[in-house]
């Protein structure tokens, strides 16, 4: 199999689980705070079939990957009936933050498992280093001749990258991302009406411009560098 295709498949697997866990976290937290809408729809589950959107979770990420864009996508939004929440503003914000927080949790868990591999397995240090080099598409890095622990290392390293990227991306205050749902609670009435009237196509343009401007990397870069330092120097 072509090396680039293999890397994309590892990243895609990490993305599918990241999106699934993200929506599960929204659904579970909504249920915890009193809204059972998502639970009744079967969304409090880690079954990806219940969460994934064919276009946003499969087609767009794969097209982006082969076009050498960041591997991003979306799942089906988790339904939340805010009037069922015990404290509408506070609980809706917490339900919203649960998604990005779940991705940070997965990134941290993946980092911890990579550190375990690095220090427990005889070939762990080399496997983790090669996973980092391959993920960064460093020239000369190869899938060939790696040990048995290497595929797990590559999947976990992909999980760190994907989950950090998703967490930061989803906090952008552009509908329909999680950041926009939080921002709505702090806008005055007139501004909120204008904000809600921004069309879907306009939102796509805004997101595209933000991505092209490097705004995402302002936050992703330092977070990713911190994780890399913790992994490679510990």
Protein backbone atom coordinates (compact mmCIF):
# COMPACT_ATOMS: atom_id res chain seq x y z
CA UNK A 1 0.00 0.00 0.00
CA UNK A 2 1.19 3.52 -0.79
CA UNK A 3 2.70 5.11 2.34
CA UNK A 4 0.65 8.32 2.10
CA UNK A 5 -2.57 6.34 1.75
CA UNK A 6 -1.66 4.28 4.81
CA UNK A 7 -0.99 7.43 6.86
CA UNK A 8 -4.32 8.95 5.79
CA UNK A 9 -6.14 5.77 6.85
CA UNK A 10 -4.55 5.95 10.31
CA UNK A 11 -5.53 9.62 10.61
CA UNK A 12 -9.04 8.88 9.35
CA UNK A 13 -9.49 6.15 11.97
CA UNK A 14 -8.41 8.62 14.67
CA UNK A 15 -10.82 11.22 13.28
CA UNK A 16 -13.80 8.85 13.27
CA UNK A 17 -13.29 7.99 16.94
CA UNK A 18 -12.63 11.65 17.84
CA UNK A 19 -15.90 12.78 16.20
CA UNK A 20 -17.82 9.91 17.80
CA UNK A 21 -16.47 10.65 21.28
CA UNK A 22 -17.11 14.38 20.79
CA UNK A 23 -20.81 13.86 20.07
CA UNK A 24 -21.12 11.19 22.78
CA UNK A 25 -19.77 13.74 25.27
CA UNK A 26 -22.38 16.33 24.20
CA UNK A 27 -25.17 13.74 24.50
CA UNK A 28 -24.05 12.32 27.86
CA UNK A 29 -23.60 15.77 29.40
CA UNK A 30 -27.02 16.94 28.18
CA UNK A 31 -28.55 13.83 29.74
CA UNK A 32 -26.68 14.48 33.00
CA UNK A 33 -28.10 18.02 33.19
CA UNK A 34 -31.67 16.90 32.54
CA UNK A 35 -32.24 16.87 28.76
CA UNK A 36 -32.92 13.32 27.57
CA UNK A 37 -33.51 14.24 23.90
CA UNK A 38 -30.21 12.78 22.68
CA UNK A 39 -30.53 9.72 24.92
CA UNK A 40 -33.98 8.93 23.50
CA UNK A 41 -32.49 9.17 20.00
CA UNK A 42 -29.78 6.66 20.89
CA UNK A 43 -26.96 9.22 20.82
CA UNK A 44 -25.48 8.39 24.25
CA UNK A 45 -23.31 5.73 22.64
CA UNK A 46 -19.83 5.20 21.22
CA UNK A 47 -21.30 3.50 18.14
CA UNK A 48 -20.00 5.72 15.29
CA UNK A 49 -22.96 4.83 13.06
CA UNK A 50 -25.21 6.84 15.38
CA UNK A 51 -23.09 9.97 15.07
CA UNK A 52 -21.28 10.12 11.74
CA UNK A 53 -22.46 12.19 8.81
CA UNK A 54 -21.61 10.68 5.39
CA UNK A 55 -20.50 14.02 3.91
CA UNK A 56 -18.86 15.65 6.93
CA UNK A 57 -17.38 12.53 8.53
CA UNK A 58 -16.28 10.56 5.46
CA UNK A 59 -16.25 12.42 2.14
CA UNK A 60 -14.90 15.81 3.26
CA UNK A 61 -12.10 14.45 5.50
CA UNK A 62 -10.86 12.06 2.82
CA UNK A 63 -10.98 14.71 0.11
CA UNK A 64 -9.17 17.15 2.44
CA UNK A 65 -6.52 14.57 3.27
CA UNK A 66 -5.72 13.70 -0.33
CA UNK A 67 -5.69 17.42 -1.17
CA UNK A 68 -3.15 17.93 1.66
CA UNK A 69 -5.49 20.08 3.78
CA UNK A 70 -5.92 19.55 7.54
CA UNK A 71 -8.01 16.46 8.26
CA UNK A 72 -11.18 18.04 9.65
CA UNK A 73 -14.85 17.17 9.49
CA UNK A 74 -18.09 17.08 11.40
CA UNK A 75 -20.62 14.59 12.73
CA UNK A 76 -24.38 14.87 13.05
CA UNK A 77 -25.14 17.62 15.61
CA UNK A 78 -26.32 16.32 18.96
CA UNK A 79 -29.90 17.52 19.59
CA UNK A 80 -30.29 19.56 22.78
CA UNK A 81 -33.64 20.87 24.04
CA UNK A 82 -32.45 23.70 26.27
CA UNK A 83 -35.77 24.15 28.09
CA UNK A 84 -35.21 20.72 29.65
CA UNK A 85 -31.93 21.80 31.24
CA UNK A 86 -32.02 22.71 34.92
CA UNK A 87 -30.07 25.96 34.40
CA UNK A 88 -30.44 26.89 30.74
CA UNK A 89 -27.45 29.21 30.23
CA UNK A 90 -24.96 27.45 32.49
CA UNK A 91 -25.90 23.92 31.45
CA UNK A 92 -26.04 24.71 27.73
CA UNK A 93 -22.52 26.16 27.93
CA UNK A 94 -21.28 23.07 29.80
CA UNK A 95 -22.97 20.73 27.32
CA UNK A 96 -21.31 22.66 24.50
CA UNK A 97 -17.87 22.67 26.12
CA UNK A 98 -18.11 18.91 26.72
CA UNK A 99 -17.35 18.27 23.04
CA UNK A 100 -14.01 20.10 22.79
CA UNK A 101 -13.12 18.98 26.33
CA UNK A 102 -13.61 15.35 25.28
CA UNK A 103 -11.13 15.84 22.44
CA UNK A 104 -8.56 17.33 24.82
CA UNK A 105 -9.13 14.33 27.10
CA UNK A 106 -8.51 11.93 24.20
CA UNK A 107 -5.34 13.83 23.23
CA UNK A 108 -4.04 13.61 26.81
CA UNK A 109 -4.95 9.90 27.08
CA UNK A 110 -3.17 9.20 23.77
CA UNK A 111 -0.10 11.09 25.02
CA UNK A 112 -0.02 9.05 28.25
CA UNK A 113 -0.28 5.77 26.30
CA UNK A 114 2.54 6.90 23.99
CA UNK A 115 4.72 7.61 27.04
CA UNK A 116 3.93 4.13 28.38
CA UNK A 117 4.93 2.59 25.03
CA UNK A 118 8.09 4.71 24.95
CA UNK A 119 9.30 3.59 28.37
CA UNK A 120 7.94 0.03 28.66
CA UNK A 121 8.57 -1.61 25.28
CA UNK A 122 12.14 -2.29 24.11
CA UNK A 123 11.48 -0.72 20.71
CA UNK A 124 8.99 1.83 22.07
CA UNK A 125 11.21 4.90 21.88
CA UNK A 126 12.04 4.30 18.22
CA UNK A 127 8.39 3.51 17.41
CA UNK A 128 7.16 6.78 18.98
CA UNK A 129 9.88 8.84 17.27
CA UNK A 130 9.14 7.28 13.88
CA UNK A 131 5.41 7.86 14.38
CA UNK A 132 6.08 11.56 14.99
CA UNK A 133 8.35 11.82 11.94
CA UNK A 134 5.87 10.01 9.67
CA UNK A 135 2.94 12.07 10.90
CA UNK A 136 4.89 15.24 10.09
CA UNK A 137 5.71 13.83 6.62
CA UNK A 138 9.44 14.20 7.27
CA UNK A 139 11.44 13.14 4.23
CA UNK A 140 13.08 9.76 4.73
CA UNK A 141 10.61 8.52 7.35
CA UNK A 142 9.11 5.22 6.31
CA UNK A 143 6.55 2.63 7.32
CA UNK A 144 8.89 -0.16 6.26
CA UNK A 145 10.76 -2.27 8.79
CA UNK A 146 8.96 -0.98 11.88
CA UNK A 147 8.27 -3.13 14.95
CA UNK A 148 4.95 -4.63 15.99
CA UNK A 149 4.22 -1.77 18.41
CA UNK A 150 4.64 0.87 15.68
CA UNK A 151 1.06 0.79 14.23
CA UNK A 152 -0.36 1.47 17.71
CA UNK A 153 2.13 4.30 18.19
CA UNK A 154 1.18 5.84 14.85
CA UNK A 155 -2.54 5.60 15.63
CA UNK A 156 -2.05 7.20 19.06
CA UNK A 157 0.13 9.97 17.65
CA UNK A 158 -2.50 10.64 14.96
CA UNK A 159 -5.06 10.79 17.77
CA UNK A 160 -3.06 13.51 19.54
CA UNK A 161 -2.89 15.64 16.39
CA UNK A 162 -6.51 15.12 15.31
CA UNK A 163 -8.03 15.67 18.76
CA UNK A 164 -6.06 18.85 19.47
CA UNK A 165 -7.02 20.18 16.05
CA UNK A 166 -10.71 19.33 16.53
CA UNK A 167 -10.84 20.85 20.02
CA UNK A 168 -9.41 24.17 18.86
CA UNK A 169 -11.33 24.21 15.57
CA UNK A 170 -14.66 23.65 17.33
CA UNK A 171 -14.08 26.59 19.65
CA UNK A 172 -14.02 29.04 16.74
CA UNK A 173 -17.07 31.34 17.14
CA UNK A 174 -18.51 30.53 13.71
CA UNK A 175 -21.86 28.70 13.30
CA UNK A 176 -22.39 25.79 13.57
CA UNK A 177 -19.21 25.19 15.61
CA UNK A 178 -19.37 24.86 19.40
CA UNK A 179 -17.74 28.24 19.91
CA UNK A 180 -20.69 29.95 18.25
CA UNK A 181 -23.17 28.32 20.64
CA UNK A 182 -21.21 29.68 23.60
CA UNK A 183 -20.87 33.15 22.08
CA UNK A 184 -24.65 33.39 21.56
CA UNK A 185 -25.19 33.51 25.33
CA UNK A 186 -23.14 36.70 25.62
CA UNK A 187 -24.42 38.71 22.65
CA UNK A 188 -26.97 41.54 23.11
CA UNK A 189 -30.36 40.92 21.49
CA UNK A 190 -29.80 42.93 18.27
CA UNK A 191 -26.34 41.44 17.70
CA UNK A 192 -27.76 37.97 18.34
CA UNK A 193 -30.42 38.46 15.65
CA UNK A 194 -27.76 39.48 13.12
CA UNK A 195 -25.51 36.61 14.19
CA UNK A 196 -28.29 34.03 13.76
CA UNK A 197 -29.09 35.36 10.30
CA UNK A 198 -25.64 34.60 8.90
CA UNK A 199 -26.30 31.96 6.24
CA UNK A 200 -24.63 28.60 5.94
CA UNK A 201 -22.70 29.56 2.79
CA UNK A 202 -21.43 32.73 4.47
CA UNK A 203 -20.26 30.64 7.43
CA UNK A 204 -18.31 28.37 5.09
CA UNK A 205 -16.59 31.40 3.57
CA UNK A 206 -15.74 32.77 7.03
CA UNK A 207 -14.32 29.41 8.09
CA UNK A 208 -12.29 29.17 4.89
CA UNK A 209 -10.85 32.65 5.41
CA UNK A 210 -10.00 31.88 9.03
CA UNK A 211 -8.24 28.69 7.99
CA UNK A 212 -6.30 30.47 5.24
CA UNK A 213 -5.34 33.29 7.61
CA UNK A 214 -3.56 30.92 9.97
CA UNK A 215 -5.77 31.82 12.95
CA UNK A 216 -6.20 28.14 13.81
CA UNK A 217 -2.45 27.61 13.95
CA UNK A 218 -2.04 30.49 16.42
CA UNK A 219 -3.67 28.24 19.02
CA UNK A 220 -2.90 24.80 17.61
CA UNK A 221 0.83 25.43 17.17
CA UNK A 222 1.67 26.12 20.85
CA UNK A 223 -0.63 23.32 22.10
CA UNK A 224 0.88 20.79 19.69
CA UNK A 225 4.43 21.92 20.53
CA UNK A 226 3.72 21.42 24.23
CA UNK A 227 2.45 17.87 23.62
CA UNK A 228 5.47 17.10 21.45
CA UNK A 229 7.90 18.37 24.09
CA UNK A 230 6.20 16.32 26.77
CA UNK A 231 6.33 13.22 24.57
CA UNK A 232 9.81 13.47 23.12
CA UNK A 233 11.67 14.83 26.14
CA UNK A 234 10.04 12.77 28.93
